[in-house]
Amino acid sequence: CVYANAAAYSRAPYANVFFSNGNNTPSKNITNEKNYLGEAGIRKSGIRWTAEATAYIAYWKDKTLMSSAYASLDEDPFKYMVKGLDALHYGLEANASCRIGSSLKAEAFASLGEWKWKNDVDATILDPQTMRPVEEMHIYSDGLHVGDAPQTQIGTILTATLPKGFFLRADWNFND
């Protein structure tokens, strides 16, 4: 089976951005995030095995990030809102599984991606009590890796089915 799909959509930022002041008053000057994406792949299967490989690309436009609502004791208490980030994500993903006898299944997966910010933006530093802007700061983000997910993942899983609905599973994962 060969497949391909594409999408374009716009969505409101997450609630911690849209309601950054901690009450039900929406944040000012927040724009919808846009995403344009596509993927194509191939899936093959036999009686005891399956394998799939996919290539993807996604362009994020106008992403907004908000620093965590919780700060450790050694951090400064100010919150940061970063608006207007663009990012390009692309990569390859593959997975395979195989049944070995009636009670053993082996699986493997790999995901290799390149996710980078595509522009420099300004961040607003907010007072933690009033959530009013205190200062603007320029963020040199163009070319930096997007840091909220591993861009390389490799792993394997071995599952043994035992009597009475029990199973034993061993897995190994590498994230980078």
C-alpha atoms as a PDB file:
ATOM      1  CA  CYS A   1       0.000   0.000   0.000  1.00  0.00           C
ATOM      2  CA  VAL A   2       1.354   3.405  -0.983  1.00  0.00           C
ATOM      3  CA  TYR A   3      -0.175   6.492   0.623  1.00  0.00           C
ATOM      4  CA  ALA A   4       0.148  10.259   0.677  1.00  0.00           C
ATOM      5  CA  ASN A   5      -1.718  13.039   2.402  1.00  0.00           C
ATOM      6  CA  ALA A   6      -1.468  16.749   2.901  1.00  0.00           C
ATOM      7  CA  ALA A   7      -3.172  19.293   5.136  1.00  0.00           C
ATOM      8  CA  ALA A   8      -3.306  22.964   5.935  1.00  0.00           C
ATOM      9  CA  TYR A   9      -4.978  24.252   9.065  1.00  0.00           C
ATOM     10  CA  SER A  10      -5.113  27.117  11.521  1.00  0.00           C
ATOM     11  CA  ARG A  11      -5.687  26.785  15.243  1.00  0.00           C
ATOM     12  CA  ALA A  12      -5.707  28.875  18.385  1.00  0.00           C
ATOM     13  CA  PRO A  13      -2.579  28.557  20.558  1.00  0.00           C
ATOM     14  CA  TYR A  14      -2.691  26.362  23.647  1.00  0.00           C
ATOM     15  CA  ALA A  15      -4.659  27.641  26.637  1.00  0.00           C
ATOM     16  CA  ASN A  16      -1.527  28.648  28.594  1.00  0.00           C
ATOM     17  CA  VAL A  17      -0.835  31.172  25.811  1.00  0.00           C
ATOM     18  CA  PHE A  18      -4.382  32.255  25.067  1.00  0.00           C
ATOM     19  CA  PHE A  19      -5.183  32.740  28.785  1.00  0.00           C
ATOM     20  CA  SER A  20      -1.656  33.610  29.956  1.00  0.00           C
ATOM     21  CA  ASN A  21      -2.875  35.969  32.685  1.00  0.00           C
ATOM     22  CA  GLY A  22      -4.328  33.120  34.754  1.00  0.00           C
ATOM     23  CA  ASN A  23      -7.983  34.185  34.472  1.00  0.00           C
ATOM     24  CA  ASN A  24     -10.594  33.984  31.729  1.00  0.00           C
ATOM     25  CA  THR A  25      -9.443  37.143  29.957  1.00  0.00           C
ATOM     26  CA  PRO A  26      -7.792  36.282  26.618  1.00  0.00           C
ATOM     27  CA  SER A  27      -4.254  37.502  25.989  1.00  0.00           C
ATOM     28  CA  LYS A  28      -3.946  40.442  23.618  1.00  0.00           C
ATOM     29  CA  ASN A  29      -2.567  40.289  20.079  1.00  0.00           C
ATOM     30  CA  ILE A  30      -2.508  36.507  19.879  1.00  0.00           C
ATOM     31  CA  THR A  31      -2.801  35.084  16.364  1.00  0.00           C
ATOM     32  CA  ASN A  32      -3.747  31.619  15.229  1.00  0.00           C
ATOM     33  CA  GLU A  33      -0.944  29.208  14.460  1.00  0.00           C
ATOM     34  CA  LYS A  34      -0.852  27.794  10.939  1.00  0.00           C
ATOM     35  CA  ASN A  35       0.459  24.418   9.861  1.00  0.00           C
ATOM     36  CA  TYR A  36       1.091  23.111   6.356  1.00  0.00           C
ATOM     37  CA  LEU A  37       2.108  19.476   6.165  1.00  0.00           C
ATOM     38  CA  GLY A  38       2.470  16.486   3.921  1.00  0.00           C
ATOM     39  CA  GLU A  39       3.585  12.902   4.138  1.00  0.00           C
ATOM     40  CA  ALA A  40       4.045   9.942   1.834  1.00  0.00           C
ATOM     41  CA  GLY A  41       4.828   6.378   2.656  1.00  0.00           C
ATOM     42  CA  ILE A  42       4.618   2.708   1.920  1.00  0.00           C
ATOM     43  CA  ARG A  43       3.166  -0.100   4.008  1.00  0.00           C
ATOM     44  CA  LYS A  44       3.733  -3.806   3.329  1.00  0.00           C
ATOM     45  CA  SER A  45       2.525  -6.799   5.273  1.00  0.00           C
ATOM     46  CA  GLY A  46       2.649 -10.544   5.194  1.00  0.00           C
ATOM     47  CA  ILE A  47       1.072 -13.244   7.294  1.00  0.00           C
ATOM     48  CA  ARG A  48       3.498 -12.770  10.203  1.00  0.00           C
ATOM     49  CA  TRP A  49       5.047  -9.352   9.576  1.00  0.00           C
ATOM     50  CA  THR A  50       4.362  -5.703   8.758  1.00  0.00           C
ATOM     51  CA  ALA A  51       6.688  -2.891   7.717  1.00  0.00           C
ATOM     52  CA  GLU A  52       6.082   0.792   7.054  1.00  0.00           C
ATOM     53  CA  ALA A  53       8.223   3.769   6.005  1.00  0.00           C
ATOM     54  CA  THR A  54       7.047   7.390   5.854  1.00  0.00           C
ATOM     55  CA  ALA A  55       8.630  10.688   4.824  1.00  0.00           C
ATOM     56  CA  TYR A  56       7.082  13.886   6.214  1.00  0.00           C
ATOM     57  CA  ILE A  57       7.432  17.644   6.064  1.00  0.00           C
ATOM     58  CA  ALA A  58       5.609  20.277   8.127  1.00  0.00           C
ATOM     59  CA  TYR A  59       5.903  24.060   8.094  1.00  0.00           C
ATOM     60  CA  TRP A  60       4.636  25.798  11.251  1.00  0.00           C
ATOM     61  CA  LYS A  61       3.857  29.506  11.003  1.00  0.00           C
ATOM     62  CA  ASP A  62       3.187  32.005  13.842  1.00  0.00           C
ATOM     63  CA  LYS A  63       3.803  29.555  16.702  1.00  0.00           C
ATOM     64  CA  THR A  64       3.527  31.096  20.177  1.00  0.00           C
ATOM     65  CA  LEU A  65       5.366  29.736  23.218  1.00  0.00           C
ATOM     66  CA  MET A  66       4.836  30.632  26.855  1.00  0.00           C
ATOM     67  CA  SER A  67       7.320  29.847  29.612  1.00  0.00           C
ATOM     68  CA  SER A  68       6.210  27.481  32.316  1.00  0.00           C
ATOM     69  CA  ALA A  69       3.761  28.725  34.913  1.00  0.00           C
ATOM     70  CA  TYR A  70       6.010  27.191  37.566  1.00  0.00           C
ATOM     71  CA  ALA A  71       9.506  28.444  38.327  1.00  0.00           C
ATOM     72  CA  SER A  72      12.071  26.806  40.584  1.00  0.00           C
ATOM     73  CA  LEU A  73      13.449  28.792  43.503  1.00  0.00           C
ATOM     74  CA  ASP A  74      16.638  29.707  41.647  1.00  0.00           C
ATOM     75  CA  GLU A  75      14.844  30.970  38.500  1.00  0.00           C
ATOM     76  CA  ASP A  76      13.628  34.486  38.019  1.00  0.00           C
ATOM     77  CA  PRO A  77       9.860  34.699  38.495  1.00  0.00           C
ATOM     78  CA  PHE A  78       9.099  36.473  35.210  1.00  0.00           C
ATOM     79  CA  LYS A  79       7.182  34.751  32.428  1.00  0.00           C
ATOM     80  CA  TYR A  80       8.152  34.978  28.789  1.00  0.00           C
ATOM     81  CA  MET A  81       5.834  34.978  25.763  1.00  0.00           C
ATOM     82  CA  VAL A  82       7.464  34.324  22.398  1.00  0.00           C
ATOM     83  CA  LYS A  83       5.225  35.027  19.372  1.00  0.00           C
ATOM     84  CA  GLY A  84       5.589  34.593  15.630  1.00  0.00           C
ATOM     85  CA  LEU A  85       7.944  31.618  15.483  1.00  0.00           C
ATOM     86  CA  ASP A  86       8.138  29.671  12.228  1.00  0.00           C
ATOM     87  CA  ALA A  87       9.565  26.148  12.085  1.00  0.00           C
ATOM     88  CA  LEU A  88      10.315  23.539   9.450  1.00  0.00           C
ATOM     89  CA  HIS A  89      10.063  19.876  10.467  1.00  0.00           C
ATOM     90  CA  TYR A  90      10.995  17.073   8.091  1.00  0.00           C
ATOM     91  CA  GLY A  91      12.152  13.512   8.434  1.00  0.00           C
ATOM     92  CA  LEU A  92      11.741   9.805   7.926  1.00  0.00           C
ATOM     93  CA  GLU A  93       9.955   7.274  10.122  1.00  0.00           C
ATOM     94  CA  ALA A  94       9.998   3.489   9.838  1.00  0.00           C
ATOM     95  CA  ASN A  95       8.595   0.625  11.869  1.00  0.00           C
ATOM     96  CA  ALA A  96       8.373  -3.135  11.506  1.00  0.00           C
ATOM     97  CA  SER A  97       6.951  -6.043  13.472  1.00  0.00           C
ATOM     98  CA  CYS A  98       7.244  -9.795  13.164  1.00  0.00           C
ATOM     99  CA  ARG A  99       5.507 -12.690  14.931  1.00  0.00           C
ATOM    100  CA  ILE A 100       7.933 -15.445  15.904  1.00  0.00           C
ATOM    101  CA  GLY A 101       5.863 -18.508  16.657  1.00  0.00           C
ATOM    102  CA  SER A 102       2.514 -18.127  18.388  1.00  0.00           C
ATOM    103  CA  SER A 103       3.703 -16.328  21.524  1.00  0.00           C
ATOM    104  CA  LEU A 104       6.573 -14.010  20.582  1.00  0.00           C
ATOM    105  CA  LYS A 105       6.440 -10.670  18.741  1.00  0.00           C
ATOM    106  CA  ALA A 106       9.424  -8.492  17.814  1.00  0.00           C
ATOM    107  CA  GLU A 107       9.038  -4.817  16.860  1.00  0.00           C
ATOM    108  CA  ALA A 108      11.472  -2.104  15.805  1.00  0.00           C
ATOM    109  CA  PHE A 109      11.096   1.581  14.995  1.00  0.00           C
ATOM    110  CA  ALA A 110      13.222   4.536  13.935  1.00  0.00           C
ATOM    111  CA  SER A 111      12.475   8.203  13.442  1.00  0.00           C
ATOM    112  CA  LEU A 112      15.084  10.592  12.075  1.00  0.00           C
ATOM    113  CA  GLY A 113      14.074  14.213  11.834  1.00  0.00           C
ATOM    114  CA  GLU A 114      15.369  17.724  11.387  1.00  0.00           C
ATOM    115  CA  TRP A 115      13.236  20.300  13.215  1.00  0.00           C
ATOM    116  CA  LYS A 116      14.513  23.874  13.194  1.00  0.00           C
ATOM    117  CA  TRP A 117      13.204  27.350  13.867  1.00  0.00           C
ATOM    118  CA  LYS A 118      13.216  29.479  10.723  1.00  0.00           C
ATOM    119  CA  ASN A 119      13.228  33.046  12.060  1.00  0.00           C
ATOM    120  CA  ASP A 120      14.306  35.409  14.834  1.00  0.00           C
ATOM    121  CA  VAL A 121      11.499  36.899  16.929  1.00  0.00           C
ATOM    122  CA  ASP A 122      10.828  39.133  19.903  1.00  0.00           C
ATOM    123  CA  ALA A 123       9.734  37.889  23.317  1.00  0.00           C
ATOM    124  CA  THR A 124       7.657  39.804  25.822  1.00  0.00           C
ATOM    125  CA  ILE A 125       8.727  39.547  29.452  1.00  0.00           C
ATOM    126  CA  LEU A 126       5.664  39.618  31.716  1.00  0.00           C
ATOM    127  CA  ASP A 127       5.296  40.541  35.377  1.00  0.00           C
ATOM    128  CA  PRO A 128       4.240  37.310  37.146  1.00  0.00           C
ATOM    129  CA  GLN A 129       1.573  39.018  39.309  1.00  0.00           C
ATOM    130  CA  THR A 130      -0.102  41.359  36.825  1.00  0.00           C
ATOM    131  CA  MET A 131       0.916  39.615  33.561  1.00  0.00           C
ATOM    132  CA  ARG A 132       1.602  43.065  32.126  1.00  0.00           C
ATOM    133  CA  PRO A 133       4.557  43.533  29.758  1.00  0.00           C
ATOM    134  CA  VAL A 134       7.750  44.610  31.493  1.00  0.00           C
ATOM    135  CA  GLU A 135      10.268  44.406  28.664  1.00  0.00           C
ATOM    136  CA  GLU A 136      10.821  43.168  25.101  1.00  0.00           C
ATOM    137  CA  MET A 137      13.759  40.921  24.234  1.00  0.00           C
ATOM    138  CA  HIS A 138      15.045  39.822  20.818  1.00  0.00           C
ATOM    139  CA  ILE A 139      15.372  36.040  20.425  1.00  0.00           C
ATOM    140  CA  TYR A 140      17.979  34.784  17.946  1.00  0.00           C
ATOM    141  CA  SER A 141      16.208  31.529  17.123  1.00  0.00           C
ATOM    142  CA  ASP A 142      16.779  31.176  13.367  1.00  0.00           C
ATOM    143  CA  GLY A 143      18.512  27.837  12.730  1.00  0.00           C
ATOM    144  CA  LEU A 144      18.143  26.512  16.297  1.00  0.00           C
ATOM    145  CA  HIS A 145      16.644  23.056  16.807  1.00  0.00           C
ATOM    146  CA  VAL A 146      13.078  22.889  18.119  1.00  0.00           C
ATOM    147  CA  GLY A 147      13.583  21.592  21.643  1.00  0.00           C
ATOM    148  CA  ASP A 148      10.300  20.043  22.761  1.00  0.00           C
ATOM    149  CA  ALA A 149      10.738  16.535  21.288  1.00  0.00           C
ATOM    150  CA  PRO A 150      13.559  14.181  20.329  1.00  0.00           C
ATOM    151  CA  GLN A 151      14.476  14.437  16.654  1.00  0.00           C
ATOM    152  CA  THR A 152      16.057  10.983  16.585  1.00  0.00           C
ATOM    153  CA  GLN A 153      14.299   7.978  18.107  1.00  0.00           C
ATOM    154  CA  ILE A 154      15.305   4.348  17.693  1.00  0.00           C
ATOM    155  CA  GLY A 155      13.870   1.410  19.577  1.00  0.00           C
ATOM    156  CA  THR A 156      12.929  -2.214  19.734  1.00  0.00           C
ATOM    157  CA  ILE A 157      10.323  -4.205  21.680  1.00  0.00           C
ATOM    158  CA  LEU A 158      10.097  -7.922  22.350  1.00  0.00           C
ATOM    159  CA  THR A 159       6.787  -9.222  23.720  1.00  0.00           C
ATOM    160  CA  ALA A 160       6.124 -12.769  24.942  1.00  0.00           C
ATOM    161  CA  THR A 161       2.509 -13.823  25.474  1.00  0.00           C
ATOM    162  CA  LEU A 162       2.077 -15.960  28.587  1.00  0.00           C
ATOM    163  CA  PRO A 163      -0.876 -18.094  29.742  1.00  0.00           C
ATOM    164  CA  LYS A 164      -4.001 -16.566  31.305  1.00  0.00           C
ATOM    165  CA  GLY A 165      -3.672 -13.182  29.541  1.00  0.00           C
ATOM    166  CA  PHE A 166      -0.268 -12.262  30.980  1.00  0.00           C
ATOM    167  CA  PHE A 167       2.654 -11.037  28.901  1.00  0.00           C
ATOM    168  CA  LEU A 168       6.304 -10.186  29.388  1.00  0.00           C
ATOM    169  CA  ARG A 169       7.749  -7.207  27.544  1.00  0.00           C
ATOM    170  CA  ALA A 170      11.306  -5.925  27.150  1.00  0.00           C
ATOM    171  CA  ASP A 171      12.059  -2.716  25.295  1.00  0.00           C
ATOM    172  CA  TRP A 172      14.969  -0.465  24.484  1.00  0.00           C
ATOM    173  CA  ASN A 173      14.642   3.174  23.371  1.00  0.00           C
ATOM    174  CA  PHE A 174      17.192   5.753  22.287  1.00  0.00           C
ATOM    175  CA  ASN A 175      16.158   9.430  22.088  1.00  0.00           C
ATOM    176  CA  ASP A 176      18.327  12.303  20.944  1.00  0.00           C
END
